[in-house]
């Protein structure tokens, strides 16, 4: 986990400098008093990112530094799930 987070910390400034990047933040789960919370998974990292457009997201995905980052962390992750959202109102 430490090696993975170190790689995430290194890539973050590069991503934040990309055209159209609004937010790029990594989060860990913690226990809370909410009764509706799923069980905490200590090894789960959630990346919340916001982009000005789908084109900006597409360019980000194809950026050379992202390809290099993904190659470095590919064996550090068990799985990846993505959700692309838009404002509901």
PDB file of N, CA and C in Angstrom:
ATOM      1  N   UNK A   1       0.829  -1.197   0.000  1.00  0.00           N
ATOM      2  CA  UNK A   1       0.000   0.000   0.000  1.00  0.00           C
ATOM      3  C   UNK A   1       0.871   1.258   0.000  1.00  0.00           C
ATOM      4  N   UNK A   2       1.944   1.244   0.792  1.00  0.00           N
ATOM      5  CA  UNK A   2       2.807   2.424   0.857  1.00  0.00           C
ATOM      6  C   UNK A   2       3.406   2.748  -0.504  1.00  0.00           C
ATOM      7  N   UNK A   3       3.857   1.729  -1.242  1.00  0.00           N
ATOM      8  CA  UNK A   3       4.450   1.951  -2.569  1.00  0.00           C
ATOM      9  C   UNK A   3       3.402   2.483  -3.546  1.00  0.00           C
ATOM     10  N   UNK A   4       2.194   1.942  -3.463  1.00  0.00           N
ATOM     11  CA  UNK A   4       1.115   2.402  -4.341  1.00  0.00           C
ATOM     12  C   UNK A   4       0.782   3.870  -4.065  1.00  0.00           C
ATOM     13  N   UNK A   5       0.605   4.209  -2.804  1.00  0.00           N
ATOM     14  CA  UNK A   5       0.278   5.587  -2.453  1.00  0.00           C
ATOM     15  C   UNK A   5       1.408   6.553  -2.816  1.00  0.00           C
ATOM     16  N   UNK A   6       2.640   6.094  -2.739  1.00  0.00           N
ATOM     17  CA  UNK A   6       3.768   6.940  -3.144  1.00  0.00           C
ATOM     18  C   UNK A   6       3.680   7.256  -4.635  1.00  0.00           C
ATOM     19  N   UNK A   7       3.301   6.265  -5.441  1.00  0.00           N
ATOM     20  CA  UNK A   7       3.136   6.495  -6.879  1.00  0.00           C
ATOM     21  C   UNK A   7       1.971   7.456  -7.140  1.00  0.00           C
ATOM     22  N   UNK A   8       0.893   7.300  -6.397  1.00  0.00           N
ATOM     23  CA  UNK A   8      -0.272   8.180  -6.542  1.00  0.00           C
ATOM     24  C   UNK A   8       0.105   9.619  -6.192  1.00  0.00           C
ATOM     25  N   UNK A   9       0.883   9.763  -5.148  1.00  0.00           N
ATOM     26  CA  UNK A   9       1.308  11.099  -4.718  1.00  0.00           C
ATOM     27  C   UNK A   9       2.182  11.763  -5.781  1.00  0.00           C
ATOM     28  N   UNK A  10       3.007  10.956  -6.470  1.00  0.00           N
ATOM     29  CA  UNK A  10       3.878  11.498  -7.518  1.00  0.00           C
ATOM     30  C   UNK A  10       3.086  11.935  -8.750  1.00  0.00           C
ATOM     31  N   UNK A  11       2.056  11.177  -9.133  1.00  0.00           N
ATOM     32  CA  UNK A  11       1.326  11.471 -10.374  1.00  0.00           C
ATOM     33  C   UNK A  11       0.331  12.619 -10.191  1.00  0.00           C
ATOM     34  N   UNK A  12      -0.159  12.819  -8.985  1.00  0.00           N
ATOM     35  CA  UNK A  12      -1.225  13.795  -8.738  1.00  0.00           C
ATOM     36  C   UNK A  12      -0.915  15.199  -9.265  1.00  0.00           C
ATOM     37  N   UNK A  13       0.263  15.793  -8.988  1.00  0.00           N
ATOM     38  CA  UNK A  13       0.518  17.144  -9.501  1.00  0.00           C
ATOM     39  C   UNK A  13       0.498  17.220 -11.029  1.00  0.00           C
ATOM     40  N   UNK A  14       0.961  16.169 -11.680  1.00  0.00           N
ATOM     41  CA  UNK A  14       0.945  16.149 -13.149  1.00  0.00           C
ATOM     42  C   UNK A  14      -0.482  16.152 -13.669  1.00  0.00           C
ATOM     43  N   UNK A  15      -1.342  15.375 -13.014  1.00  0.00           N
ATOM     44  CA  UNK A  15      -2.745  15.301 -13.438  1.00  0.00           C
ATOM     45  C   UNK A  15      -3.449  16.630 -13.155  1.00  0.00           C
ATOM     46  N   UNK A  16      -3.222  17.203 -11.987  1.00  0.00           N
ATOM     47  CA  UNK A  16      -3.859  18.480 -11.660  1.00  0.00           C
ATOM     48  C   UNK A  16      -3.460  19.584 -12.635  1.00  0.00           C
ATOM     49  N   UNK A  17      -2.295  19.458 -13.258  1.00  0.00           N
ATOM     50  CA  UNK A  17      -1.832  20.459 -14.224  1.00  0.00           C
ATOM     51  C   UNK A  17      -2.438  20.265 -15.614  1.00  0.00           C
ATOM     52  N   UNK A  18      -3.126  19.143 -15.824  1.00  0.00           N
ATOM     53  CA  UNK A  18      -3.715  18.870 -17.134  1.00  0.00           C
ATOM     54  C   UNK A  18      -4.888  19.810 -17.400  1.00  0.00           C
ATOM     55  N   UNK A  19      -5.045  20.165 -18.674  1.00  0.00           N
ATOM     56  CA  UNK A  19      -6.167  21.005 -19.096  1.00  0.00           C
ATOM     57  C   UNK A  19      -7.480  20.278 -18.784  1.00  0.00           C
ATOM     58  N   UNK A  20      -8.362  20.961 -18.091  1.00  0.00           N
ATOM     59  CA  UNK A  20      -9.675  20.403 -17.790  1.00  0.00           C
ATOM     60  C   UNK A  20      -9.784  19.661 -16.473  1.00  0.00           C
ATOM     61  N   UNK A  21      -8.655  19.455 -15.765  1.00  0.00           N
ATOM     62  CA  UNK A  21      -8.721  18.762 -14.474  1.00  0.00           C
ATOM     63  C   UNK A  21      -9.219  19.719 -13.404  1.00  0.00           C
ATOM     64  N   UNK A  22     -10.294  19.331 -12.744  1.00  0.00           N
ATOM     65  CA  UNK A  22     -10.896  20.136 -11.686  1.00  0.00           C
ATOM     66  C   UNK A  22     -10.522  19.578 -10.312  1.00  0.00           C
ATOM     67  N   UNK A  23     -10.490  18.247 -10.203  1.00  0.00           N
ATOM     68  CA  UNK A  23     -10.197  17.593  -8.932  1.00  0.00           C
ATOM     69  C   UNK A  23      -9.577  16.233  -9.213  1.00  0.00           C
ATOM     70  N   UNK A  24      -8.624  15.838  -8.373  1.00  0.00           N
ATOM     71  CA  UNK A  24      -7.974  14.535  -8.493  1.00  0.00           C
ATOM     72  C   UNK A  24      -7.471  14.153  -7.106  1.00  0.00           C
ATOM     73  N   UNK A  25      -8.337  13.511  -6.312  1.00  0.00           N
ATOM     74  CA  UNK A  25      -8.059  13.268  -4.900  1.00  0.00           C
ATOM     75  C   UNK A  25      -8.240  11.792  -4.534  1.00  0.00           C
ATOM     76  N   UNK A  26      -7.253  11.262  -3.831  1.00  0.00           N
ATOM     77  CA  UNK A  26      -7.282   9.880  -3.346  1.00  0.00           C
ATOM     78  C   UNK A  26      -7.826   9.846  -1.919  1.00  0.00           C
ATOM     79  N   UNK A  27      -8.641   8.825  -1.607  1.00  0.00           N
ATOM     80  CA  UNK A  27      -9.272   8.719  -0.282  1.00  0.00           C
ATOM     81  C   UNK A  27      -9.205   7.277   0.227  1.00  0.00           C
ATOM     82  N   UNK A  28      -9.114   7.162   1.555  1.00  0.00           N
ATOM     83  CA  UNK A  28      -9.190   5.870   2.258  1.00  0.00           C
ATOM     84  C   UNK A  28     -10.502   5.809   3.027  1.00  0.00           C
ATOM     85  N   UNK A  29     -11.002   4.613   3.210  1.00  0.00           N
ATOM     86  CA  UNK A  29     -12.220   4.436   3.992  1.00  0.00           C
ATOM     87  C   UNK A  29     -11.906   4.500   5.485  1.00  0.00           C
ATOM     88  N   UNK A  30     -12.840   5.078   6.240  1.00  0.00           N
ATOM     89  CA  UNK A  30     -12.725   5.113   7.696  1.00  0.00           C
ATOM     90  C   UNK A  30     -14.081   4.726   8.297  1.00  0.00           C
ATOM     91  N   UNK A  31     -14.045   4.293   9.522  1.00  0.00           N
ATOM     92  CA  UNK A  31     -15.270   3.961  10.237  1.00  0.00           C
ATOM     93  C   UNK A  31     -15.986   5.245  10.618  1.00  0.00           C
ATOM     94  N   UNK A  32     -17.305   5.221  10.541  1.00  0.00           N
ATOM     95  CA  UNK A  32     -18.101   6.392  10.919  1.00  0.00           C
ATOM     96  C   UNK A  32     -19.312   5.942  11.728  1.00  0.00           C
ATOM     97  N   UNK A  33     -20.052   6.883  12.303  1.00  0.00           N
ATOM     98  CA  UNK A  33     -21.249   6.520  13.059  1.00  0.00           C
ATOM     99  C   UNK A  33     -22.476   6.279  12.171  1.00  0.00           C
ATOM    100  N   UNK A  34     -22.334   6.369  10.863  1.00  0.00           N
ATOM    101  CA  UNK A  34     -23.475   6.178   9.957  1.00  0.00           C
ATOM    102  C   UNK A  34     -23.895   4.713   9.940  1.00  0.00           C
ATOM    103  N   UNK A  35     -25.137   4.460  10.201  1.00  0.00           N
ATOM    104  CA  UNK A  35     -25.638   3.093  10.204  1.00  0.00           C
ATOM    105  C   UNK A  35     -25.704   2.473   8.826  1.00  0.00           C
ATOM    106  N   UNK A  36     -25.728   3.298   7.796  1.00  0.00           N
ATOM    107  CA  UNK A  36     -25.858   2.777   6.435  1.00  0.00           C
ATOM    108  C   UNK A  36     -24.512   2.473   5.774  1.00  0.00           C
ATOM    109  N   UNK A  37     -23.421   2.671   6.479  1.00  0.00           N
ATOM    110  CA  UNK A  37     -22.091   2.476   5.895  1.00  0.00           C
ATOM    111  C   UNK A  37     -21.796   0.998   5.693  1.00  0.00           C
ATOM    112  N   UNK A  38     -21.232   0.679   4.537  1.00  0.00           N
ATOM    113  CA  UNK A  38     -20.755  -0.674   4.280  1.00  0.00           C
ATOM    114  C   UNK A  38     -19.541  -0.937   5.158  1.00  0.00           C
ATOM    115  N   UNK A  39     -19.181  -2.207   5.363  1.00  0.00           N
ATOM    116  CA  UNK A  39     -17.975  -2.491   6.141  1.00  0.00           C
ATOM    117  C   UNK A  39     -16.743  -1.816   5.518  1.00  0.00           C
ATOM    118  N   UNK A  40     -15.892  -1.266   6.363  1.00  0.00           N
ATOM    119  CA  UNK A  40     -14.684  -0.582   5.908  1.00  0.00           C
ATOM    120  C   UNK A  40     -13.707  -1.606   5.331  1.00  0.00           C
ATOM    121  N   UNK A  41     -13.151  -1.267   4.178  1.00  0.00           N
ATOM    122  CA  UNK A  41     -12.101  -2.082   3.568  1.00  0.00           C
ATOM    123  C   UNK A  41     -10.807  -1.267   3.628  1.00  0.00           C
ATOM    124  N   UNK A  42      -9.918  -1.663   4.537  1.00  0.00           N
ATOM    125  CA  UNK A  42      -8.702  -0.896   4.796  1.00  0.00           C
ATOM    126  C   UNK A  42      -7.810  -0.752   3.569  1.00  0.00           C
ATOM    127  N   UNK A  43      -7.845  -1.693   2.673  1.00  0.00           N
ATOM    128  CA  UNK A  43      -6.966  -1.652   1.506  1.00  0.00           C
ATOM    129  C   UNK A  43      -7.636  -1.062   0.274  1.00  0.00           C
ATOM    130  N   UNK A  44      -8.797  -0.456   0.421  1.00  0.00           N
ATOM    131  CA  UNK A  44      -9.475   0.177  -0.709  1.00  0.00           C
ATOM    132  C   UNK A  44      -9.106   1.654  -0.759  1.00  0.00           C
ATOM    133  N   UNK A  45      -8.679   2.084  -1.931  1.00  0.00           N
ATOM    134  CA  UNK A  45      -8.420   3.494  -2.193  1.00  0.00           C
ATOM    135  C   UNK A  45      -9.417   3.941  -3.249  1.00  0.00           C
ATOM    136  N   UNK A  46     -10.089   5.048  -3.002  1.00  0.00           N
ATOM    137  CA  UNK A  46     -11.040   5.595  -3.961  1.00  0.00           C
ATOM    138  C   UNK A  46     -10.475   6.898  -4.507  1.00  0.00           C
ATOM    139  N   UNK A  47     -10.419   6.987  -5.813  1.00  0.00           N
ATOM    140  CA  UNK A  47      -9.961   8.194  -6.485  1.00  0.00           C
ATOM    141  C   UNK A  47     -11.184   8.953  -6.973  1.00  0.00           C
ATOM    142  N   UNK A  48     -11.349  10.168  -6.478  1.00  0.00           N
ATOM    143  CA  UNK A  48     -12.420  11.039  -6.948  1.00  0.00           C
ATOM    144  C   UNK A  48     -11.783  12.068  -7.864  1.00  0.00           C
ATOM    145  N   UNK A  49     -12.266  12.100  -9.094  1.00  0.00           N
ATOM    146  CA  UNK A  49     -11.720  13.059 -10.049  1.00  0.00           C
ATOM    147  C   UNK A  49     -12.855  13.746 -10.778  1.00  0.00           C
ATOM    148  N   UNK A  50     -12.635  14.995 -11.127  1.00  0.00           N
ATOM    149  CA  UNK A  50     -13.633  15.777 -11.857  1.00  0.00           C
ATOM    150  C   UNK A  50     -12.935  16.439 -13.034  1.00  0.00           C
ATOM    151  N   UNK A  51     -13.610  16.415 -14.176  1.00  0.00           N
ATOM    152  CA  UNK A  51     -13.059  16.946 -15.416  1.00  0.00           C
ATOM    153  C   UNK A  51     -14.051  17.909 -16.034  1.00  0.00           C
ATOM    154  N   UNK A  52     -13.530  18.898 -16.711  1.00  0.00           N
ATOM    155  CA  UNK A  52     -14.370  19.910 -17.336  1.00  0.00           C
ATOM    156  C   UNK A  52     -15.188  19.389 -18.504  1.00  0.00           C
ATOM    157  N   UNK A  53     -14.762  18.267 -19.091  1.00  0.00           N
ATOM    158  CA  UNK A  53     -15.484  17.687 -20.216  1.00  0.00           C
ATOM    159  C   UNK A  53     -15.059  16.236 -20.405  1.00  0.00           C
ATOM    160  N   UNK A  54     -15.855  15.491 -21.147  1.00  0.00           N
ATOM    161  CA  UNK A  54     -15.471  14.119 -21.469  1.00  0.00           C
ATOM    162  C   UNK A  54     -14.228  14.093 -22.350  1.00  0.00           C
ATOM    163  N   UNK A  55     -14.057  15.113 -23.202  1.00  0.00           N
ATOM    164  CA  UNK A  55     -12.851  15.185 -24.024  1.00  0.00           C
ATOM    165  C   UNK A  55     -11.612  15.334 -23.153  1.00  0.00           C
ATOM    166  N   UNK A  56     -11.693  16.143 -22.092  1.00  0.00           N
ATOM    167  CA  UNK A  56     -10.561  16.310 -21.179  1.00  0.00           C
ATOM    168  C   UNK A  56     -10.243  14.989 -20.484  1.00  0.00           C
ATOM    169  N   UNK A  57     -11.260  14.249 -20.088  1.00  0.00           N
ATOM    170  CA  UNK A  57     -11.057  12.942 -19.460  1.00  0.00           C
ATOM    171  C   UNK A  57     -10.403  11.979 -20.446  1.00  0.00           C
ATOM    172  N   UNK A  58     -10.858  12.008 -21.681  1.00  0.00           N
ATOM    173  CA  UNK A  58     -10.289  11.132 -22.711  1.00  0.00           C
ATOM    174  C   UNK A  58      -8.815  11.460 -22.941  1.00  0.00           C
ATOM    175  N   UNK A  59      -8.476  12.746 -23.023  1.00  0.00           N
ATOM    176  CA  UNK A  59      -7.083  13.152 -23.192  1.00  0.00           C
ATOM    177  C   UNK A  59      -6.238  12.719 -21.992  1.00  0.00           C
ATOM    178  N   UNK A  60      -6.791  12.861 -20.804  1.00  0.00           N
ATOM    179  CA  UNK A  60      -6.096  12.425 -19.585  1.00  0.00           C
ATOM    180  C   UNK A  60      -5.772  10.940 -19.660  1.00  0.00           C
ATOM    181  N   UNK A  61      -6.742  10.142 -20.067  1.00  0.00           N
ATOM    182  CA  UNK A  61      -6.548   8.689 -20.133  1.00  0.00           C
ATOM    183  C   UNK A  61      -5.456   8.293 -21.115  1.00  0.00           C
ATOM    184  N   UNK A  62      -5.239   9.102 -22.142  1.00  0.00           N
ATOM    185  CA  UNK A  62      -4.246   8.794 -23.164  1.00  0.00           C
ATOM    186  C   UNK A  62      -2.889   9.458 -22.908  1.00  0.00           C
ATOM    187  N   UNK A  63      -2.789  10.249 -21.858  1.00  0.00           N
ATOM    188  CA  UNK A  63      -1.551  10.994 -21.585  1.00  0.00           C
ATOM    189  C   UNK A  63      -0.390  10.032 -21.308  1.00  0.00           C
ATOM    190  N   UNK A  64       0.785  10.316 -21.844  1.00  0.00           N
ATOM    191  CA  UNK A  64       1.944   9.443 -21.620  1.00  0.00           C
ATOM    192  C   UNK A  64       2.254   9.212 -20.141  1.00  0.00           C
ATOM    193  N   UNK A  65       2.142  10.261 -19.307  1.00  0.00           N
ATOM    194  CA  UNK A  65       2.441  10.064 -17.885  1.00  0.00           C
ATOM    195  C   UNK A  65       1.441   9.123 -17.220  1.00  0.00           C
ATOM    196  N   UNK A  66       0.210   9.072 -17.726  1.00  0.00           N
ATOM    197  CA  UNK A  66      -0.770   8.134 -17.166  1.00  0.00           C
ATOM    198  C   UNK A  66      -0.453   6.699 -17.588  1.00  0.00           C
ATOM    199  N   UNK A  67      -0.043   6.522 -18.823  1.00  0.00           N
ATOM    200  CA  UNK A  67       0.345   5.179 -19.279  1.00  0.00           C
ATOM    201  C   UNK A  67       1.528   4.657 -18.476  1.00  0.00           C
ATOM    202  N   UNK A  68       2.488   5.534 -18.200  1.00  0.00           N
ATOM    203  CA  UNK A  68       3.647   5.155 -17.397  1.00  0.00           C
ATOM    204  C   UNK A  68       3.238   4.831 -15.962  1.00  0.00           C
ATOM    205  N   UNK A  69       2.373   5.654 -15.398  1.00  0.00           N
ATOM    206  CA  UNK A  69       1.877   5.424 -14.041  1.00  0.00           C
ATOM    207  C   UNK A  69       1.159   4.074 -13.952  1.00  0.00           C
ATOM    208  N   UNK A  70       0.261   3.808 -14.897  1.00  0.00           N
ATOM    209  CA  UNK A  70      -0.503   2.554 -14.874  1.00  0.00           C
ATOM    210  C   UNK A  70       0.413   1.345 -15.002  1.00  0.00           C
ATOM    211  N   UNK A  71       1.460   1.460 -15.775  1.00  0.00           N
ATOM    212  CA  UNK A  71       2.423   0.362 -15.890  1.00  0.00           C
ATOM    213  C   UNK A  71       3.149   0.131 -14.562  1.00  0.00           C
ATOM    214  N   UNK A  72       3.478   1.214 -13.873  1.00  0.00           N
ATOM    215  CA  UNK A  72       4.187   1.091 -12.584  1.00  0.00           C
ATOM    216  C   UNK A  72       3.313   0.471 -11.498  1.00  0.00           C
ATOM    217  N   UNK A  73       2.002   0.738 -11.512  1.00  0.00           N
ATOM    218  CA  UNK A  73       1.143   0.272 -10.415  1.00  0.00           C
ATOM    219  C   UNK A  73       0.319  -0.963 -10.769  1.00  0.00           C
ATOM    220  N   UNK A  74       0.452  -1.486 -11.973  1.00  0.00           N
ATOM    221  CA  UNK A  74      -0.438  -2.578 -12.403  1.00  0.00           C
ATOM    222  C   UNK A  74      -0.395  -3.788 -11.471  1.00  0.00           C
ATOM    223  N   UNK A  75       0.764  -4.106 -10.911  1.00  0.00           N
ATOM    224  CA  UNK A  75       0.862  -5.255 -10.011  1.00  0.00           C
ATOM    225  C   UNK A  75       0.592  -4.894  -8.554  1.00  0.00           C
ATOM    226  N   UNK A  76       0.271  -3.639  -8.295  1.00  0.00           N
ATOM    227  CA  UNK A  76      -0.008  -3.183  -6.932  1.00  0.00           C
ATOM    228  C   UNK A  76      -1.504  -3.136  -6.646  1.00  0.00           C
ATOM    229  N   UNK A  77      -2.320  -3.384  -7.674  1.00  0.00           N
ATOM    230  CA  UNK A  77      -3.773  -3.264  -7.508  1.00  0.00           C
ATOM    231  C   UNK A  77      -4.439  -4.601  -7.750  1.00  0.00           C
ATOM    232  N   UNK A  78      -5.441  -4.876  -6.938  1.00  0.00           N
ATOM    233  CA  UNK A  78      -6.207  -6.109  -7.102  1.00  0.00           C
ATOM    234  C   UNK A  78      -7.274  -5.949  -8.172  1.00  0.00           C
ATOM    235  N   UNK A  79      -7.910  -4.784  -8.209  1.00  0.00           N
ATOM    236  CA  UNK A  79      -8.962  -4.535  -9.190  1.00  0.00           C
ATOM    237  C   UNK A  79      -9.168  -3.031  -9.346  1.00  0.00           C
ATOM    238  N   UNK A  80      -9.868  -2.683 -10.420  1.00  0.00           N
ATOM    239  CA  UNK A  80     -10.192  -1.288 -10.689  1.00  0.00           C
ATOM    240  C   UNK A  80     -11.630  -1.237 -11.186  1.00  0.00           C
ATOM    241  N   UNK A  81     -12.410  -0.334 -10.618  1.00  0.00           N
ATOM    242  CA  UNK A  81     -13.768  -0.090 -11.066  1.00  0.00           C
ATOM    243  C   UNK A  81     -13.918   1.396 -11.279  1.00  0.00           C
ATOM    244  N   UNK A  82     -14.549   1.765 -12.386  1.00  0.00           N
ATOM    245  CA  UNK A  82     -14.745   3.192 -12.684  1.00  0.00           C
ATOM    246  C   UNK A  82     -16.225   3.493 -12.845  1.00  0.00           C
ATOM    247  N   UNK A  83     -16.608   4.686 -12.442  1.00  0.00           N
ATOM    248  CA  UNK A  83     -17.951   5.205 -12.674  1.00  0.00           C
ATOM    249  C   UNK A  83     -17.785   6.599 -13.231  1.00  0.00           C
ATOM    250  N   UNK A  84     -18.409   6.880 -14.362  1.00  0.00           N
ATOM    251  CA  UNK A  84     -18.374   8.207 -14.948  1.00  0.00           C
ATOM    252  C   UNK A  84     -19.752   8.807 -14.741  1.00  0.00           C
ATOM    253  N   UNK A  85     -19.786   9.970 -14.107  1.00  0.00           N
ATOM    254  CA  UNK A  85     -21.048  10.574 -13.696  1.00  0.00           C
ATOM    255  C   UNK A  85     -21.228  11.954 -14.319  1.00  0.00           C
ATOM    256  N   UNK A  86     -22.458  12.415 -14.307  1.00  0.00           N
ATOM    257  CA  UNK A  86     -22.779  13.789 -14.687  1.00  0.00           C
ATOM    258  C   UNK A  86     -23.758  14.334 -13.668  1.00  0.00           C
ATOM    259  N   UNK A  87     -23.837  15.645 -13.510  1.00  0.00           N
ATOM    260  CA  UNK A  87     -24.772  16.207 -12.547  1.00  0.00           C
ATOM    261  C   UNK A  87     -26.223  15.782 -12.867  1.00  0.00           C
ATOM    262  N   UNK A  88     -26.965  15.464 -11.838  1.00  0.00           N
ATOM    263  CA  UNK A  88     -28.354  15.047 -12.017  1.00  0.00           C
ATOM    264  C   UNK A  88     -29.293  16.236 -12.238  1.00  0.00           C
ATOM    265  N   UNK A  89     -28.905  17.398 -11.763  1.00  0.00           N
ATOM    266  CA  UNK A  89     -29.708  18.620 -11.960  1.00  0.00           C
ATOM    267  C   UNK A  89     -28.853  19.840 -11.823  1.00  0.00           C
TER     268      UNK A  89
END
